[in-house]
Amino acid sequence: SDSVTIEHDVTLDGDVSNRFEIVWIDTWRKGYVEITGHTDHETTKVPFEFRESTQLTVKPLD
């Protein structure tokens, strides 16, 4: 399978807090595509999956 690297730069301000909660959420789209043959009219289901979005949340903990 193919590999994808996603990066997020985050600055943690030690004057705000010395503890942080970091949450990374990936949202995936999964499903099937139905392909029907042109000559034999046979239908085949092909699964697919791709990352739809990525969200990073950083909250200071006190």
PDB file of N, CA and C in Angstrom:
ATOM      1  N   SER A   1       0.838  -1.186   0.000  1.00  0.00           N
ATOM      2  CA  SER A   1       0.000   0.000   0.000  1.00  0.00           C
ATOM      3  C   SER A   1       0.880   1.246   0.000  1.00  0.00           C
ATOM      4  N   ASP A   2       0.352   2.320  -0.516  1.00  0.00           N
ATOM      5  CA  ASP A   2       1.087   3.581  -0.583  1.00  0.00           C
ATOM      6  C   ASP A   2       1.164   4.221   0.795  1.00  0.00           C
ATOM      7  N   SER A   3       2.214   4.984   1.001  1.00  0.00           N
ATOM      8  CA  SER A   3       2.414   5.674   2.272  1.00  0.00           C
ATOM      9  C   SER A   3       2.318   7.179   2.052  1.00  0.00           C
ATOM     10  N   VAL A   4       1.658   7.862   2.974  1.00  0.00           N
ATOM     11  CA  VAL A   4       1.514   9.310   2.907  1.00  0.00           C
ATOM     12  C   VAL A   4       1.979   9.890   4.233  1.00  0.00           C
ATOM     13  N   THR A   5       2.771  10.950   4.178  1.00  0.00           N
ATOM     14  CA  THR A   5       3.222  11.633   5.386  1.00  0.00           C
ATOM     15  C   THR A   5       2.509  12.974   5.492  1.00  0.00           C
ATOM     16  N   ILE A   6       1.906  13.218   6.647  1.00  0.00           N
ATOM     17  CA  ILE A   6       1.238  14.491   6.910  1.00  0.00           C
ATOM     18  C   ILE A   6       1.918  15.119   8.117  1.00  0.00           C
ATOM     19  N   GLU A   7       2.265  16.379   7.997  1.00  0.00           N
ATOM     20  CA  GLU A   7       2.939  17.078   9.088  1.00  0.00           C
ATOM     21  C   GLU A   7       2.125  18.285   9.529  1.00  0.00           C
ATOM     22  N   HIS A   8       2.179  18.556  10.831  1.00  0.00           N
ATOM     23  CA  HIS A   8       1.596  19.767  11.405  1.00  0.00           C
ATOM     24  C   HIS A   8       2.657  20.377  12.313  1.00  0.00           C
ATOM     25  N   ASP A   9       2.933  21.651  12.149  1.00  0.00           N
ATOM     26  CA  ASP A   9       3.842  22.356  13.049  1.00  0.00           C
ATOM     27  C   ASP A   9       3.026  22.962  14.185  1.00  0.00           C
ATOM     28  N   VAL A  10       3.494  22.730  15.411  1.00  0.00           N
ATOM     29  CA  VAL A  10       2.788  23.214  16.594  1.00  0.00           C
ATOM     30  C   VAL A  10       3.788  23.917  17.499  1.00  0.00           C
ATOM     31  N   THR A  11       3.412  25.083  17.999  1.00  0.00           N
ATOM     32  CA  THR A  11       4.219  25.789  18.987  1.00  0.00           C
ATOM     33  C   THR A  11       3.517  25.685  20.337  1.00  0.00           C
ATOM     34  N   LEU A  12       4.219  25.117  21.311  1.00  0.00           N
ATOM     35  CA  LEU A  12       3.666  24.974  22.657  1.00  0.00           C
ATOM     36  C   LEU A  12       4.287  26.058  23.537  1.00  0.00           C
ATOM     37  N   ASP A  13       3.460  26.944  24.034  1.00  0.00           N
ATOM     38  CA  ASP A  13       3.916  28.087  24.827  1.00  0.00           C
ATOM     39  C   ASP A  13       3.996  27.687  26.296  1.00  0.00           C
ATOM     40  N   GLY A  14       5.211  27.585  26.813  1.00  0.00           N
ATOM     41  CA  GLY A  14       5.415  27.217  28.203  1.00  0.00           C
ATOM     42  C   GLY A  14       4.927  28.262  29.188  1.00  0.00           C
ATOM     43  N   ASP A  15       4.709  29.497  28.738  1.00  0.00           N
ATOM     44  CA  ASP A  15       4.158  30.528  29.614  1.00  0.00           C
ATOM     45  C   ASP A  15       2.657  30.333  29.811  1.00  0.00           C
ATOM     46  N   VAL A  16       2.005  29.652  28.882  1.00  0.00           N
ATOM     47  CA  VAL A  16       0.563  29.386  28.984  1.00  0.00           C
ATOM     48  C   VAL A  16       0.314  28.162  29.856  1.00  0.00           C
ATOM     49  N   SER A  17       1.077  27.102  29.636  1.00  0.00           N
ATOM     50  CA  SER A  17       0.919  25.867  30.397  1.00  0.00           C
ATOM     51  C   SER A  17       2.150  25.001  30.167  1.00  0.00           C
ATOM     52  N   ASN A  18       2.403  24.086  31.096  1.00  0.00           N
ATOM     53  CA  ASN A  18       3.479  23.124  30.871  1.00  0.00           C
ATOM     54  C   ASN A  18       2.924  21.742  30.530  1.00  0.00           C
ATOM     55  N   ARG A  19       1.605  21.667  30.375  1.00  0.00           N
ATOM     56  CA  ARG A  19       0.935  20.419  29.974  1.00  0.00           C
ATOM     57  C   ARG A  19      -0.079  20.739  28.875  1.00  0.00           C
ATOM     58  N   PHE A  20      -0.108  19.888  27.843  1.00  0.00           N
ATOM     59  CA  PHE A  20      -1.008  20.096  26.712  1.00  0.00           C
ATOM     60  C   PHE A  20      -1.652  18.776  26.313  1.00  0.00           C
ATOM     61  N   GLU A  21      -2.864  18.874  25.816  1.00  0.00           N
ATOM     62  CA  GLU A  21      -3.544  17.724  25.224  1.00  0.00           C
ATOM     63  C   GLU A  21      -3.473  17.902  23.710  1.00  0.00           C
ATOM     64  N   ILE A  22      -2.937  16.905  23.032  1.00  0.00           N
ATOM     65  CA  ILE A  22      -2.820  16.949  21.574  1.00  0.00           C
ATOM     66  C   ILE A  22      -3.675  15.822  21.001  1.00  0.00           C
ATOM     67  N   VAL A  23      -4.634  16.192  20.156  1.00  0.00           N
ATOM     68  CA  VAL A  23      -5.545  15.208  19.560  1.00  0.00           C
ATOM     69  C   VAL A  23      -5.428  15.297  18.041  1.00  0.00           C
ATOM     70  N   TRP A  24      -5.140  14.170  17.422  1.00  0.00           N
ATOM     71  CA  TRP A  24      -5.029  14.066  15.965  1.00  0.00           C
ATOM     72  C   TRP A  24      -6.189  13.204  15.482  1.00  0.00           C
ATOM     73  N   ILE A  25      -7.002  13.737  14.574  1.00  0.00           N
ATOM     74  CA  ILE A  25      -8.155  12.996  14.060  1.00  0.00           C
ATOM     75  C   ILE A  25      -8.043  12.878  12.540  1.00  0.00           C
ATOM     76  N   ASP A  26      -8.044  11.646  12.053  1.00  0.00           N
ATOM     77  CA  ASP A  26      -8.124  11.373  10.618  1.00  0.00           C
ATOM     78  C   ASP A  26      -9.539  10.911  10.309  1.00  0.00           C
ATOM     79  N   THR A  27     -10.144  11.472   9.279  1.00  0.00           N
ATOM     80  CA  THR A  27     -11.463  11.046   8.821  1.00  0.00           C
ATOM     81  C   THR A  27     -11.276  10.327   7.492  1.00  0.00           C
ATOM     82  N   TRP A  28     -11.796   9.103   7.422  1.00  0.00           N
ATOM     83  CA  TRP A  28     -11.618   8.263   6.236  1.00  0.00           C
ATOM     84  C   TRP A  28     -12.940   8.054   5.517  1.00  0.00           C
ATOM     85  N   ARG A  29     -12.875   7.982   4.215  1.00  0.00           N
ATOM     86  CA  ARG A  29     -14.032   7.642   3.381  1.00  0.00           C
ATOM     87  C   ARG A  29     -13.799   6.222   2.873  1.00  0.00           C
ATOM     88  N   LYS A  30     -14.750   5.323   3.162  1.00  0.00           N
ATOM     89  CA  LYS A  30     -14.661   3.934   2.713  1.00  0.00           C
ATOM     90  C   LYS A  30     -15.915   3.587   1.928  1.00  0.00           C
ATOM     91  N   GLY A  31     -15.763   2.738   0.951  1.00  0.00           N
ATOM     92  CA  GLY A  31     -16.927   2.322   0.182  1.00  0.00           C
ATOM     93  C   GLY A  31     -16.555   1.333  -0.902  1.00  0.00           C
ATOM     94  N   TYR A  32     -17.475   1.133  -1.828  1.00  0.00           N
ATOM     95  CA  TYR A  32     -17.279   0.233  -2.960  1.00  0.00           C
ATOM     96  C   TYR A  32     -17.676   0.941  -4.244  1.00  0.00           C
ATOM     97  N   VAL A  33     -16.981   0.606  -5.309  1.00  0.00           N
ATOM     98  CA  VAL A  33     -17.343   1.055  -6.645  1.00  0.00           C
ATOM     99  C   VAL A  33     -17.807  -0.180  -7.394  1.00  0.00           C
ATOM    100  N   GLU A  34     -18.954  -0.082  -8.041  1.00  0.00           N
ATOM    101  CA  GLU A  34     -19.440  -1.196  -8.851  1.00  0.00           C
ATOM    102  C   GLU A  34     -19.035  -0.964 -10.302  1.00  0.00           C
ATOM    103  N   ILE A  35     -18.350  -1.956 -10.866  1.00  0.00           N
ATOM    104  CA  ILE A  35     -17.893  -1.877 -12.251  1.00  0.00           C
ATOM    105  C   ILE A  35     -18.602  -2.968 -13.041  1.00  0.00           C
ATOM    106  N   THR A  36     -19.284  -2.577 -14.107  1.00  0.00           N
ATOM    107  CA  THR A  36     -19.995  -3.530 -14.955  1.00  0.00           C
ATOM    108  C   THR A  36     -19.227  -3.694 -16.257  1.00  0.00           C
ATOM    109  N   GLY A  37     -18.964  -4.959 -16.606  1.00  0.00           N
ATOM    110  CA  GLY A  37     -18.226  -5.249 -17.831  1.00  0.00           C
ATOM    111  C   GLY A  37     -18.996  -4.824 -19.072  1.00  0.00           C
ATOM    112  N   HIS A  38     -18.261  -4.330 -20.062  1.00  0.00           N
ATOM    113  CA  HIS A  38     -18.877  -3.833 -21.300  1.00  0.00           C
ATOM    114  C   HIS A  38     -19.456  -4.972 -22.134  1.00  0.00           C
ATOM    115  N   THR A  39     -18.741  -6.100 -22.187  1.00  0.00           N
ATOM    116  CA  THR A  39     -19.209  -7.192 -23.047  1.00  0.00           C
ATOM    117  C   THR A  39     -20.000  -8.246 -22.289  1.00  0.00           C
ATOM    118  N   ASP A  40     -19.567  -8.604 -21.071  1.00  0.00           N
ATOM    119  CA  ASP A  40     -20.265  -9.674 -20.340  1.00  0.00           C
ATOM    120  C   ASP A  40     -21.301  -9.145 -19.353  1.00  0.00           C
ATOM    121  N   HIS A  41     -21.340  -7.853 -19.136  1.00  0.00           N
ATOM    122  CA  HIS A  41     -22.301  -7.194 -18.238  1.00  0.00           C
ATOM    123  C   HIS A  41     -22.256  -7.750 -16.811  1.00  0.00           C
ATOM    124  N   GLU A  42     -21.121  -8.352 -16.449  1.00  0.00           N
ATOM    125  CA  GLU A  42     -20.949  -8.849 -15.083  1.00  0.00           C
ATOM    126  C   GLU A  42     -20.484  -7.690 -14.204  1.00  0.00           C
ATOM    127  N   THR A  43     -21.081  -7.568 -13.006  1.00  0.00           N
ATOM    128  CA  THR A  43     -20.761  -6.468 -12.095  1.00  0.00           C
ATOM    129  C   THR A  43     -19.785  -6.942 -11.027  1.00  0.00           C
ATOM    130  N   THR A  44     -18.748  -6.160 -10.816  1.00  0.00           N
ATOM    131  CA  THR A  44     -17.746  -6.451  -9.799  1.00  0.00           C
ATOM    132  C   THR A  44     -17.692  -5.277  -8.830  1.00  0.00           C
ATOM    133  N   LYS A  45     -17.628  -5.587  -7.529  1.00  0.00           N
ATOM    134  CA  LYS A  45     -17.470  -4.544  -6.517  1.00  0.00           C
ATOM    135  C   LYS A  45     -15.992  -4.423  -6.156  1.00  0.00           C
ATOM    136  N   VAL A  46     -15.498  -3.191  -6.185  1.00  0.00           N
ATOM    137  CA  VAL A  46     -14.103  -2.923  -5.844  1.00  0.00           C
ATOM    138  C   VAL A  46     -14.090  -1.975  -4.641  1.00  0.00           C
ATOM    139  N   PRO A  47     -13.466  -2.400  -3.521  1.00  0.00           N
ATOM    140  CA  PRO A  47     -13.440  -1.527  -2.341  1.00  0.00           C
ATOM    141  C   PRO A  47     -12.464  -0.362  -2.527  1.00  0.00           C
ATOM    142  N   PHE A  48     -12.768   0.761  -1.865  1.00  0.00           N
ATOM    143  CA  PHE A  48     -11.845   1.892  -1.854  1.00  0.00           C
ATOM    144  C   PHE A  48     -11.834   2.510  -0.467  1.00  0.00           C
ATOM    145  N   GLU A  49     -10.757   3.223  -0.188  1.00  0.00           N
ATOM    146  CA  GLU A  49     -10.592   3.918   1.094  1.00  0.00           C
ATOM    147  C   GLU A  49      -9.612   5.064   0.874  1.00  0.00           C
ATOM    148  N   PHE A  50      -9.974   6.263   1.350  1.00  0.00           N
ATOM    149  CA  PHE A  50      -9.033   7.374   1.270  1.00  0.00           C
ATOM    150  C   PHE A  50      -9.271   8.334   2.429  1.00  0.00           C
ATOM    151  N   ARG A  51      -8.197   9.008   2.819  1.00  0.00           N
ATOM    152  CA  ARG A  51      -8.282   9.988   3.904  1.00  0.00           C
ATOM    153  C   ARG A  51      -9.004  11.216   3.373  1.00  0.00           C
ATOM    154  N   GLU A  52     -10.081  11.588   4.051  1.00  0.00           N
ATOM    155  CA  GLU A  52     -10.879  12.736   3.633  1.00  0.00           C
ATOM    156  C   GLU A  52     -10.373  14.034   4.268  1.00  0.00           C
ATOM    157  N   SER A  53      -9.951  13.950   5.539  1.00  0.00           N
ATOM    158  CA  SER A  53      -9.444  15.148   6.211  1.00  0.00           C
ATOM    159  C   SER A  53      -8.601  14.748   7.417  1.00  0.00           C
ATOM    160  N   THR A  54      -7.798  15.693   7.866  1.00  0.00           N
ATOM    161  CA  THR A  54      -6.971  15.531   9.058  1.00  0.00           C
ATOM    162  C   THR A  54      -7.125  16.791   9.899  1.00  0.00           C
ATOM    163  N   GLN A  55      -7.304  16.593  11.200  1.00  0.00           N
ATOM    164  CA  GLN A  55      -7.478  17.736  12.097  1.00  0.00           C
ATOM    165  C   GLN A  55      -6.598  17.541  13.323  1.00  0.00           C
ATOM    166  N   LEU A  56      -5.891  18.581  13.700  1.00  0.00           N
ATOM    167  CA  LEU A  56      -5.051  18.559  14.892  1.00  0.00           C
ATOM    168  C   LEU A  56      -5.543  19.630  15.849  1.00  0.00           C
ATOM    169  N   THR A  57      -5.772  19.235  17.100  1.00  0.00           N
ATOM    170  CA  THR A  57      -6.230  20.167  18.122  1.00  0.00           C
ATOM    171  C   THR A  57      -5.238  20.135  19.285  1.00  0.00           C
ATOM    172  N   VAL A  58      -4.835  21.307  19.747  1.00  0.00           N
ATOM    173  CA  VAL A  58      -3.926  21.418  20.885  1.00  0.00           C
ATOM    174  C   VAL A  58      -4.595  22.291  21.936  1.00  0.00           C
ATOM    175  N   LYS A  59      -4.747  21.736  23.164  1.00  0.00           N
ATOM    176  CA  LYS A  59      -5.366  22.492  24.260  1.00  0.00           C
ATOM    177  C   LYS A  59      -4.429  22.486  25.459  1.00  0.00           C
ATOM    178  N   PRO A  60      -4.201  23.645  26.062  1.00  0.00           N
ATOM    179  CA  PRO A  60      -3.412  23.665  27.296  1.00  0.00           C
ATOM    180  C   PRO A  60      -4.208  23.032  28.440  1.00  0.00           C
ATOM    181  N   LEU A  61      -3.519  22.288  29.293  1.00  0.00           N
ATOM    182  CA  LEU A  61      -4.135  21.685  30.477  1.00  0.00           C
ATOM    183  C   LEU A  61      -3.607  22.414  31.706  1.00  0.00           C
ATOM    184  N   ASP A  62      -4.498  22.774  32.597  1.00  0.00           N
ATOM    185  CA  ASP A  62      -4.079  23.478  33.817  1.00  0.00           C
ATOM    186  C   ASP A  62      -4.401  22.661  35.034  1.00  0.00           C
TER     187      ASP A  62
END
